[in-house]
Amino acid sequence: MAPSASRFPLLAVDIGNTSTVLGLADEQLNLTHTWRLRTNRDLLPDDLALQLHSLLSLDGMTPPASAVLSSVAPPLGQNYRSALRQHFGVEALEVSAENLPEVRVELDTPTAVGADRLCNLYGAERYLTDHEYAVVVDFGTSTNFDIIGRGRRFLGGVLATGAQVSADALFSRAAKLPRIALEAPATAIGKNTIHALQSGLVFGYAEMVDGLLRRIRAELDAPAVAVATGGFAHTLEGICREIDTYDETLTLRGMVELWHSQQAHSVRQL
């Protein structure tokens, strides 16, 4: 059943530890606008409402009629909900394992799964047409490997330190090392300190990602497609040999699909 036109535009808000990504979706569930902001836990509901109003005004967009919210950075999730309720008259759907009955979370403690990883599950569904499993590699403050099975199964995952966090830790403990841009050098063998650091931090990180993907695939009983998303993904594009495709909007698109699925589920319950 198609969602009502009165529920659009739909706002998706993905609050991470480092960045907050927002997107607007139309009646065809296509993302029409996206914005990436630095996550600031000190912002109050009025601050967030002003920020959102400014973004919408800059692009000439109408206010959202519905919203879906994923947060791993309290108390920002609650503040966004308050901002949307008080200033836009919108009650946001907040993503959690408790309100997704159609999802099977196969963890020791199912409620412990992060909201962003549940959004990735929905975003990965389009890649399960030809594969039994998908592995979403989400490059954020941490790098998450989410293993998804057909039938909306969250099988588990791997959590690794993010590339920028690793670099910051190295620079803070070695005062003489220069801070560098995380980009791939021309060769693995560095001829100066900057290139040597870039080789270790970029090529070394890519090898870690490839190695974990090989181990994950070896433990599955059928082929898995590997999909990369997140801020650092494009730096590793063409370097990681085990990643099949890159999808910049996978998490936001997953939020839109999740919201749509919940609307359909609510209609069936009537």
C-alpha atoms as a PDB file:
ATOM      1  CA  MET A   1       0.000   0.000   0.000  1.00  0.00           C
ATOM      2  CA  ALA A   2       1.434   3.407  -0.981  1.00  0.00           C
ATOM      3  CA  PRO A   3       1.980   5.863   1.881  1.00  0.00           C
ATOM      4  CA  SER A   4      -0.254   8.906   2.044  1.00  0.00           C
ATOM      5  CA  ALA A   5       1.071  12.003   0.255  1.00  0.00           C
ATOM      6  CA  SER A   6       0.246  14.003   3.378  1.00  0.00           C
ATOM      7  CA  ARG A   7       3.136  12.267   5.174  1.00  0.00           C
ATOM      8  CA  PHE A   8       5.787  13.873   2.946  1.00  0.00           C
ATOM      9  CA  PRO A   9       8.362  15.221   2.813  1.00  0.00           C
ATOM     10  CA  LEU A  10       9.842  12.672   5.180  1.00  0.00           C
ATOM     11  CA  LEU A  11      12.866  13.737   7.216  1.00  0.00           C
ATOM     12  CA  ALA A  12      15.489  11.129   8.150  1.00  0.00           C
ATOM     13  CA  VAL A  13      17.977  12.082  10.879  1.00  0.00           C
ATOM     14  CA  ASP A  14      20.989   9.825  11.493  1.00  0.00           C
ATOM     15  CA  ILE A  15      22.893  11.052  14.568  1.00  0.00           C
ATOM     16  CA  GLY A  16      26.363   9.562  14.853  1.00  0.00           C
ATOM     17  CA  ASN A  17      29.156  10.246  17.317  1.00  0.00           C
ATOM     18  CA  THR A  18      31.048  12.474  14.872  1.00  0.00           C
ATOM     19  CA  SER A  19      28.569  13.473  12.154  1.00  0.00           C
ATOM     20  CA  THR A  20      24.820  13.919  11.860  1.00  0.00           C
ATOM     21  CA  VAL A  21      23.384  13.191   8.417  1.00  0.00           C
ATOM     22  CA  LEU A  22      19.918  14.415   7.430  1.00  0.00           C
ATOM     23  CA  GLY A  23      17.879  13.615   4.355  1.00  0.00           C
ATOM     24  CA  LEU A  24      14.496  14.468   2.840  1.00  0.00           C
ATOM     25  CA  ALA A  25      12.498  11.828   0.949  1.00  0.00           C
ATOM     26  CA  ASP A  26       9.607  12.333  -1.442  1.00  0.00           C
ATOM     27  CA  GLU A  27       6.437  10.307  -2.063  1.00  0.00           C
ATOM     28  CA  GLN A  28       8.396   7.770  -4.157  1.00  0.00           C
ATOM     29  CA  LEU A  29      10.686   7.248  -1.130  1.00  0.00           C
ATOM     30  CA  ASN A  30      13.601   8.792  -3.016  1.00  0.00           C
ATOM     31  CA  LEU A  31      16.080  10.992  -1.176  1.00  0.00           C
ATOM     32  CA  THR A  32      15.920  14.462  -2.712  1.00  0.00           C
ATOM     33  CA  HIS A  33      18.234  16.377  -0.369  1.00  0.00           C
ATOM     34  CA  THR A  34      20.958  15.382   2.099  1.00  0.00           C
ATOM     35  CA  TRP A  35      23.054  17.361   4.576  1.00  0.00           C
ATOM     36  CA  ARG A  36      26.017  16.377   6.771  1.00  0.00           C
ATOM     37  CA  LEU A  37      26.722  18.301   9.995  1.00  0.00           C
ATOM     38  CA  ARG A  38      29.152  17.909  12.861  1.00  0.00           C
ATOM     39  CA  THR A  39      27.470  16.254  15.855  1.00  0.00           C
ATOM     40  CA  ASN A  40      27.267  18.651  18.792  1.00  0.00           C
ATOM     41  CA  ARG A  41      25.854  17.132  21.972  1.00  0.00           C
ATOM     42  CA  ASP A  42      25.450  20.580  23.554  1.00  0.00           C
ATOM     43  CA  LEU A  43      22.687  21.697  21.166  1.00  0.00           C
ATOM     44  CA  LEU A  44      19.243  22.104  22.746  1.00  0.00           C
ATOM     45  CA  PRO A  45      15.880  21.574  20.986  1.00  0.00           C
ATOM     46  CA  ASP A  46      15.564  25.251  20.010  1.00  0.00           C
ATOM     47  CA  ASP A  47      19.112  25.227  18.585  1.00  0.00           C
ATOM     48  CA  LEU A  48      18.323  22.143  16.519  1.00  0.00           C
ATOM     49  CA  ALA A  49      15.033  23.581  15.252  1.00  0.00           C
ATOM     50  CA  LEU A  50      16.813  26.752  14.124  1.00  0.00           C
ATOM     51  CA  GLN A  51      19.530  24.681  12.414  1.00  0.00           C
ATOM     52  CA  LEU A  52      16.979  22.525  10.599  1.00  0.00           C
ATOM     53  CA  HIS A  53      14.892  25.530   9.566  1.00  0.00           C
ATOM     54  CA  SER A  54      18.021  27.168   8.119  1.00  0.00           C
ATOM     55  CA  LEU A  55      18.914  24.079   6.074  1.00  0.00           C
ATOM     56  CA  LEU A  56      15.398  23.792   4.675  1.00  0.00           C
ATOM     57  CA  SER A  57      15.244  27.506   3.865  1.00  0.00           C
ATOM     58  CA  LEU A  58      18.605  27.473   2.087  1.00  0.00           C
ATOM     59  CA  ASP A  59      17.343  24.812  -0.322  1.00  0.00           C
ATOM     60  CA  GLY A  60      13.812  26.213  -0.581  1.00  0.00           C
ATOM     61  CA  MET A  61      12.242  23.094   0.971  1.00  0.00           C
ATOM     62  CA  THR A  62       8.960  22.829   2.844  1.00  0.00           C
ATOM     63  CA  PRO A  63       9.001  21.622   6.469  1.00  0.00           C
ATOM     64  CA  PRO A  64       8.824  17.848   7.056  1.00  0.00           C
ATOM     65  CA  ALA A  65       5.450  16.196   7.570  1.00  0.00           C
ATOM     66  CA  SER A  66       6.969  13.011   9.067  1.00  0.00           C
ATOM     67  CA  ALA A  67      10.315  12.027  10.518  1.00  0.00           C
ATOM     68  CA  VAL A  68      12.403   8.990  11.401  1.00  0.00           C
ATOM     69  CA  LEU A  69      15.278   9.278  13.825  1.00  0.00           C
ATOM     70  CA  SER A  70      18.328   7.145  14.594  1.00  0.00           C
ATOM     71  CA  SER A  71      20.737   8.193  17.351  1.00  0.00           C
ATOM     72  CA  VAL A  72      23.817   6.742  19.022  1.00  0.00           C
ATOM     73  CA  ALA A  73      24.673  10.053  20.716  1.00  0.00           C
ATOM     74  CA  PRO A  74      22.402  10.796  23.680  1.00  0.00           C
ATOM     75  CA  PRO A  75      20.863  13.189  24.569  1.00  0.00           C
ATOM     76  CA  LEU A  76      20.714  14.504  20.994  1.00  0.00           C
ATOM     77  CA  GLY A  77      18.076  11.980  19.951  1.00  0.00           C
ATOM     78  CA  GLN A  78      15.669  13.234  22.617  1.00  0.00           C
ATOM     79  CA  ASN A  79      16.461  16.855  21.756  1.00  0.00           C
ATOM     80  CA  TYR A  80      15.764  16.274  18.046  1.00  0.00           C
ATOM     81  CA  ARG A  81      12.455  14.618  18.914  1.00  0.00           C
ATOM     82  CA  SER A  82      11.524  17.615  21.069  1.00  0.00           C
ATOM     83  CA  ALA A  83      12.561  20.062  18.340  1.00  0.00           C
ATOM     84  CA  LEU A  84      10.468  18.286  15.716  1.00  0.00           C
ATOM     85  CA  ARG A  85       7.469  18.028  18.032  1.00  0.00           C
ATOM     86  CA  GLN A  86       7.546  21.596  19.370  1.00  0.00           C
ATOM     87  CA  HIS A  87       8.529  23.505  16.224  1.00  0.00           C
ATOM     88  CA  PHE A  88       7.306  21.340  13.327  1.00  0.00           C
ATOM     89  CA  GLY A  89       4.386  19.434  14.861  1.00  0.00           C
ATOM     90  CA  VAL A  90       5.986  16.107  13.897  1.00  0.00           C
ATOM     91  CA  GLU A  91       6.229  13.022  16.117  1.00  0.00           C
ATOM     92  CA  ALA A  92       9.367  11.231  14.955  1.00  0.00           C
ATOM     93  CA  LEU A  93       9.645   7.450  14.730  1.00  0.00           C
ATOM     94  CA  GLU A  94      12.738   6.562  16.761  1.00  0.00           C
ATOM     95  CA  VAL A  95      14.567   3.441  15.599  1.00  0.00           C
ATOM     96  CA  SER A  96      15.165   0.673  18.138  1.00  0.00           C
ATOM     97  CA  ALA A  97      15.025  -3.117  18.252  1.00  0.00           C
ATOM     98  CA  GLU A  98      11.925  -2.919  20.453  1.00  0.00           C
ATOM     99  CA  ASN A  99       9.717  -1.303  17.792  1.00  0.00           C
ATOM    100  CA  LEU A 100      10.778  -3.469  14.827  1.00  0.00           C
ATOM    101  CA  PRO A 101       8.910  -6.760  15.324  1.00  0.00           C
ATOM    102  CA  GLU A 102       9.677  -7.946  11.765  1.00  0.00           C
ATOM    103  CA  VAL A 103      13.451  -7.880  12.442  1.00  0.00           C
ATOM    104  CA  ARG A 104      15.229 -10.895  13.943  1.00  0.00           C
ATOM    105  CA  VAL A 105      18.235  -9.748  15.958  1.00  0.00           C
ATOM    106  CA  GLU A 106      20.313 -12.869  16.551  1.00  0.00           C
ATOM    107  CA  LEU A 107      22.517 -11.473  19.318  1.00  0.00           C
ATOM    108  CA  ASP A 108      22.955 -12.601  22.933  1.00  0.00           C
ATOM    109  CA  THR A 109      21.149  -9.402  23.962  1.00  0.00           C
ATOM    110  CA  PRO A 110      18.949  -8.329  21.010  1.00  0.00           C
ATOM    111  CA  THR A 111      18.122  -4.914  22.466  1.00  0.00           C
ATOM    112  CA  ALA A 112      21.834  -4.017  22.513  1.00  0.00           C
ATOM    113  CA  VAL A 113      22.023  -3.546  18.734  1.00  0.00           C
ATOM    114  CA  GLY A 114      22.611   0.073  17.705  1.00  0.00           C
ATOM    115  CA  ALA A 115      19.884   2.005  15.886  1.00  0.00           C
ATOM    116  CA  ASP A 116      22.228   2.848  13.011  1.00  0.00           C
ATOM    117  CA  ARG A 117      22.928  -0.848  12.437  1.00  0.00           C
ATOM    118  CA  LEU A 118      19.205  -1.602  12.178  1.00  0.00           C
ATOM    119  CA  CYS A 119      18.926   1.145   9.563  1.00  0.00           C
ATOM    120  CA  ASN A 120      21.790  -0.487   7.657  1.00  0.00           C
ATOM    121  CA  LEU A 121      19.823  -3.747   7.680  1.00  0.00           C
ATOM    122  CA  TYR A 122      16.976  -2.113   5.763  1.00  0.00           C
ATOM    123  CA  GLY A 123      19.372  -0.281   3.466  1.00  0.00           C
ATOM    124  CA  ALA A 124      21.118  -3.549   2.572  1.00  0.00           C
ATOM    125  CA  GLU A 125      17.950  -5.355   1.479  1.00  0.00           C
ATOM    126  CA  ARG A 126      18.306  -4.326  -2.169  1.00  0.00           C
ATOM    127  CA  TYR A 127      21.628  -6.192  -2.282  1.00  0.00           C
ATOM    128  CA  LEU A 128      20.099  -9.486  -1.109  1.00  0.00           C
ATOM    129  CA  THR A 129      18.378 -10.206  -4.433  1.00  0.00           C
ATOM    130  CA  ASP A 130      21.297 -12.307  -5.643  1.00  0.00           C
ATOM    131  CA  HIS A 131      22.955 -13.102  -2.316  1.00  0.00           C
ATOM    132  CA  GLU A 132      21.946 -14.874   0.874  1.00  0.00           C
ATOM    133  CA  TYR A 133      23.939 -12.443   3.016  1.00  0.00           C
ATOM    134  CA  ALA A 134      25.195  -8.870   2.964  1.00  0.00           C
ATOM    135  CA  VAL A 135      28.020  -7.376   5.014  1.00  0.00           C
ATOM    136  CA  VAL A 136      27.692  -3.631   5.496  1.00  0.00           C
ATOM    137  CA  VAL A 137      30.995  -1.948   6.344  1.00  0.00           C
ATOM    138  CA  ASP A 138      30.057   1.385   7.908  1.00  0.00           C
ATOM    139  CA  PHE A 139      33.031   3.737   8.249  1.00  0.00           C
ATOM    140  CA  GLY A 140      32.293   6.177  11.064  1.00  0.00           C
ATOM    141  CA  THR A 141      33.866   7.012  14.418  1.00  0.00           C
ATOM    142  CA  SER A 142      34.083   3.252  14.719  1.00  0.00           C
ATOM    143  CA  THR A 143      34.031   0.923  11.732  1.00  0.00           C
ATOM    144  CA  ASN A 144      31.092  -1.473  12.011  1.00  0.00           C
ATOM    145  CA  PHE A 145      30.718  -4.688  10.056  1.00  0.00           C
ATOM    146  CA  ASP A 146      27.006  -5.623  10.041  1.00  0.00           C
ATOM    147  CA  ILE A 147      26.135  -9.121   8.834  1.00  0.00           C
ATOM    148  CA  ILE A 148      22.609  -9.212   7.373  1.00  0.00           C
ATOM    149  CA  GLY A 149      20.650 -12.258   6.238  1.00  0.00           C
ATOM    150  CA  ARG A 150      17.531 -12.554   4.116  1.00  0.00           C
ATOM    151  CA  GLY A 151      14.289 -12.226   6.040  1.00  0.00           C
ATOM    152  CA  ARG A 152      15.538  -9.160   7.950  1.00  0.00           C
ATOM    153  CA  ARG A 153      17.975 -11.114  10.078  1.00  0.00           C
ATOM    154  CA  PHE A 154      20.726  -9.254  11.910  1.00  0.00           C
ATOM    155  CA  LEU A 155      23.271 -12.008  12.491  1.00  0.00           C
ATOM    156  CA  GLY A 156      25.967 -10.094  14.314  1.00  0.00           C
ATOM    157  CA  GLY A 157      28.999  -8.060  13.468  1.00  0.00           C
ATOM    158  CA  VAL A 158      32.430  -6.685  14.187  1.00  0.00           C
ATOM    159  CA  LEU A 159      33.342  -3.358  15.810  1.00  0.00           C
ATOM    160  CA  ALA A 160      36.729  -1.848  14.993  1.00  0.00           C
ATOM    161  CA  THR A 161      38.367   1.470  15.753  1.00  0.00           C
ATOM    162  CA  GLY A 162      37.679   4.082  13.082  1.00  0.00           C
ATOM    163  CA  ALA A 163      40.532   5.230  10.861  1.00  0.00           C
ATOM    164  CA  GLN A 164      40.458   8.827  12.108  1.00  0.00           C
ATOM    165  CA  VAL A 165      40.350   7.680  15.747  1.00  0.00           C
ATOM    166  CA  SER A 166      43.406   5.496  15.114  1.00  0.00           C
ATOM    167  CA  ALA A 167      45.231   8.405  13.497  1.00  0.00           C
ATOM    168  CA  ASP A 168      44.336  10.787  16.337  1.00  0.00           C
ATOM    169  CA  ALA A 169      45.598   8.286  18.921  1.00  0.00           C
ATOM    170  CA  LEU A 170      48.904   7.939  17.067  1.00  0.00           C
ATOM    171  CA  PHE A 171      49.411  11.700  16.754  1.00  0.00           C
ATOM    172  CA  SER A 172      48.573  12.314  20.422  1.00  0.00           C
ATOM    173  CA  ARG A 173      51.174   9.783  21.616  1.00  0.00           C
ATOM    174  CA  ALA A 174      53.919  10.718  19.159  1.00  0.00           C
ATOM    175  CA  ALA A 175      54.295  14.471  19.375  1.00  0.00           C
ATOM    176  CA  LYS A 176      56.887  14.726  16.589  1.00  0.00           C
ATOM    177  CA  LEU A 177      54.670  13.078  13.989  1.00  0.00           C
ATOM    178  CA  PRO A 178      52.828  15.597  11.776  1.00  0.00           C
ATOM    179  CA  ARG A 179      49.057  15.512  11.469  1.00  0.00           C
ATOM    180  CA  ILE A 180      48.206  14.450   7.937  1.00  0.00           C
ATOM    181  CA  ALA A 181      45.236  14.090   5.619  1.00  0.00           C
ATOM    182  CA  LEU A 182      43.935  10.526   5.475  1.00  0.00           C
ATOM    183  CA  GLU A 183      44.436   9.884   1.784  1.00  0.00           C
ATOM    184  CA  ALA A 184      46.231   7.153  -0.117  1.00  0.00           C
ATOM    185  CA  PRO A 185      49.839   7.834  -1.208  1.00  0.00           C
ATOM    186  CA  ALA A 186      51.099   6.820  -4.634  1.00  0.00           C
ATOM    187  CA  THR A 187      53.053   3.833  -3.303  1.00  0.00           C
ATOM    188  CA  ALA A 188      53.062   1.623  -0.224  1.00  0.00           C
ATOM    189  CA  ILE A 189      56.745   2.323   0.409  1.00  0.00           C
ATOM    190  CA  GLY A 190      56.976   5.841   1.763  1.00  0.00           C
ATOM    191  CA  LYS A 191      59.932   8.068   0.926  1.00  0.00           C
ATOM    192  CA  ASN A 192      59.100  10.629   3.610  1.00  0.00           C
ATOM    193  CA  THR A 193      57.292  10.747   6.945  1.00  0.00           C
ATOM    194  CA  ILE A 194      53.975  11.977   5.533  1.00  0.00           C
ATOM    195  CA  HIS A 195      53.775   9.306   2.836  1.00  0.00           C
ATOM    196  CA  ALA A 196      54.892   6.613   5.285  1.00  0.00           C
ATOM    197  CA  LEU A 197      52.110   7.624   7.690  1.00  0.00           C
ATOM    198  CA  GLN A 198      49.534   7.710   4.897  1.00  0.00           C
ATOM    199  CA  SER A 199      50.591   4.244   3.776  1.00  0.00           C
ATOM    200  CA  GLY A 200      50.205   2.783   7.240  1.00  0.00           C
ATOM    201  CA  LEU A 201      46.951   4.528   8.056  1.00  0.00           C
ATOM    202  CA  VAL A 202      45.214   4.047   4.690  1.00  0.00           C
ATOM    203  CA  PHE A 203      46.732   0.919   3.119  1.00  0.00           C
ATOM    204  CA  GLY A 204      47.109  -0.717   6.530  1.00  0.00           C
ATOM    205  CA  TYR A 205      43.488   0.031   7.370  1.00  0.00           C
ATOM    206  CA  ALA A 206      42.336  -1.335   4.013  1.00  0.00           C
ATOM    207  CA  GLU A 207      44.170  -4.598   4.712  1.00  0.00           C
ATOM    208  CA  MET A 208      42.410  -4.847   8.078  1.00  0.00           C
ATOM    209  CA  VAL A 209      39.036  -4.391   6.375  1.00  0.00           C
ATOM    210  CA  ASP A 210      39.848  -6.971   3.684  1.00  0.00           C
ATOM    211  CA  GLY A 211      41.113  -9.455   6.244  1.00  0.00           C
ATOM    212  CA  LEU A 212      37.998  -9.199   8.402  1.00  0.00           C
ATOM    213  CA  LEU A 213      35.750  -9.563   5.369  1.00  0.00           C
ATOM    214  CA  ARG A 214      37.561 -12.758   4.362  1.00  0.00           C
ATOM    215  CA  ARG A 215      37.123 -14.152   7.874  1.00  0.00           C
ATOM    216  CA  ILE A 216      33.430 -13.210   7.971  1.00  0.00           C
ATOM    217  CA  ARG A 217      32.755 -14.798   4.574  1.00  0.00           C
ATOM    218  CA  ALA A 218      34.556 -17.968   5.647  1.00  0.00           C
ATOM    219  CA  GLU A 219      32.111 -18.356   8.561  1.00  0.00           C
ATOM    220  CA  LEU A 220      28.976 -17.991   6.412  1.00  0.00           C
ATOM    221  CA  ASP A 221      27.343 -20.902   4.605  1.00  0.00           C
ATOM    222  CA  ALA A 222      26.623 -18.937   1.395  1.00  0.00           C
ATOM    223  CA  PRO A 223      28.172 -16.050  -0.552  1.00  0.00           C
ATOM    224  CA  ALA A 224      27.902 -12.543   0.889  1.00  0.00           C
ATOM    225  CA  VAL A 225      28.018  -9.180  -0.884  1.00  0.00           C
ATOM    226  CA  ALA A 226      30.093  -6.500   0.894  1.00  0.00           C
ATOM    227  CA  VAL A 227      28.783  -2.926   0.806  1.00  0.00           C
ATOM    228  CA  ALA A 228      30.703   0.074   2.146  1.00  0.00           C
ATOM    229  CA  THR A 229      29.174   3.288   3.453  1.00  0.00           C
ATOM    230  CA  GLY A 230      30.162   6.141   5.759  1.00  0.00           C
ATOM    231  CA  GLY A 231      32.534   9.067   5.596  1.00  0.00           C
ATOM    232  CA  PHE A 232      35.828   7.172   5.080  1.00  0.00           C
ATOM    233  CA  ALA A 233      34.436   4.753   2.488  1.00  0.00           C
ATOM    234  CA  HIS A 234      35.390   6.821  -0.561  1.00  0.00           C
ATOM    235  CA  THR A 235      39.000   7.083   0.621  1.00  0.00           C
ATOM    236  CA  LEU A 236      39.229   3.294   0.440  1.00  0.00           C
ATOM    237  CA  GLU A 237      37.308   2.944  -2.831  1.00  0.00           C
ATOM    238  CA  GLY A 238      39.444   0.979  -5.247  1.00  0.00           C
ATOM    239  CA  ILE A 239      41.887   0.028  -2.456  1.00  0.00           C
ATOM    240  CA  CYS A 240      39.861  -2.569  -0.531  1.00  0.00           C
ATOM    241  CA  ARG A 241      39.710  -5.708  -2.694  1.00  0.00           C
ATOM    242  CA  GLU A 242      36.930  -7.425  -0.733  1.00  0.00           C
ATOM    243  CA  ILE A 243      34.328  -4.638  -0.970  1.00  0.00           C
ATOM    244  CA  ASP A 244      31.913  -5.095  -3.865  1.00  0.00           C
ATOM    245  CA  THR A 245      30.114  -1.752  -3.945  1.00  0.00           C
ATOM    246  CA  TYR A 246      29.982   1.655  -2.290  1.00  0.00           C
ATOM    247  CA  ASP A 247      26.660   3.196  -1.241  1.00  0.00           C
ATOM    248  CA  GLU A 248      26.956   6.670   0.255  1.00  0.00           C
ATOM    249  CA  THR A 249      23.275   6.940   1.265  1.00  0.00           C
ATOM    250  CA  LEU A 250      22.720   3.354   2.463  1.00  0.00           C
ATOM    251  CA  THR A 251      21.933   4.295   6.076  1.00  0.00           C
ATOM    252  CA  LEU A 252      19.586   7.180   5.223  1.00  0.00           C
ATOM    253  CA  ARG A 253      17.841   5.123   2.539  1.00  0.00           C
ATOM    254  CA  GLY A 254      17.500   2.317   5.070  1.00  0.00           C
ATOM    255  CA  MET A 255      15.787   4.720   7.443  1.00  0.00           C
ATOM    256  CA  VAL A 256      13.293   5.661   4.743  1.00  0.00           C
ATOM    257  CA  GLU A 257      12.599   1.984   3.986  1.00  0.00           C
ATOM    258  CA  LEU A 258      12.248   1.255   7.708  1.00  0.00           C
ATOM    259  CA  TRP A 259       9.750   4.091   8.137  1.00  0.00           C
ATOM    260  CA  HIS A 260       7.748   2.865   5.129  1.00  0.00           C
ATOM    261  CA  SER A 261       7.746  -0.693   6.472  1.00  0.00           C
ATOM    262  CA  GLN A 262       6.443   0.526   9.822  1.00  0.00           C
ATOM    263  CA  GLN A 263       3.657   2.492   8.153  1.00  0.00           C
ATOM    264  CA  ALA A 264       2.590  -0.626   6.215  1.00  0.00           C
ATOM    265  CA  HIS A 265       2.776  -2.726   9.394  1.00  0.00           C
ATOM    266  CA  SER A 266       0.557  -0.238  11.253  1.00  0.00           C
ATOM    267  CA  VAL A 267      -2.045  -0.374   8.469  1.00  0.00           C
ATOM    268  CA  ARG A 268      -2.096  -4.190   8.586  1.00  0.00           C
ATOM    269  CA  GLN A 269      -2.698  -4.078  12.337  1.00  0.00           C
ATOM    270  CA  LEU A 270      -5.864  -1.990  11.917  1.00  0.00           C
END
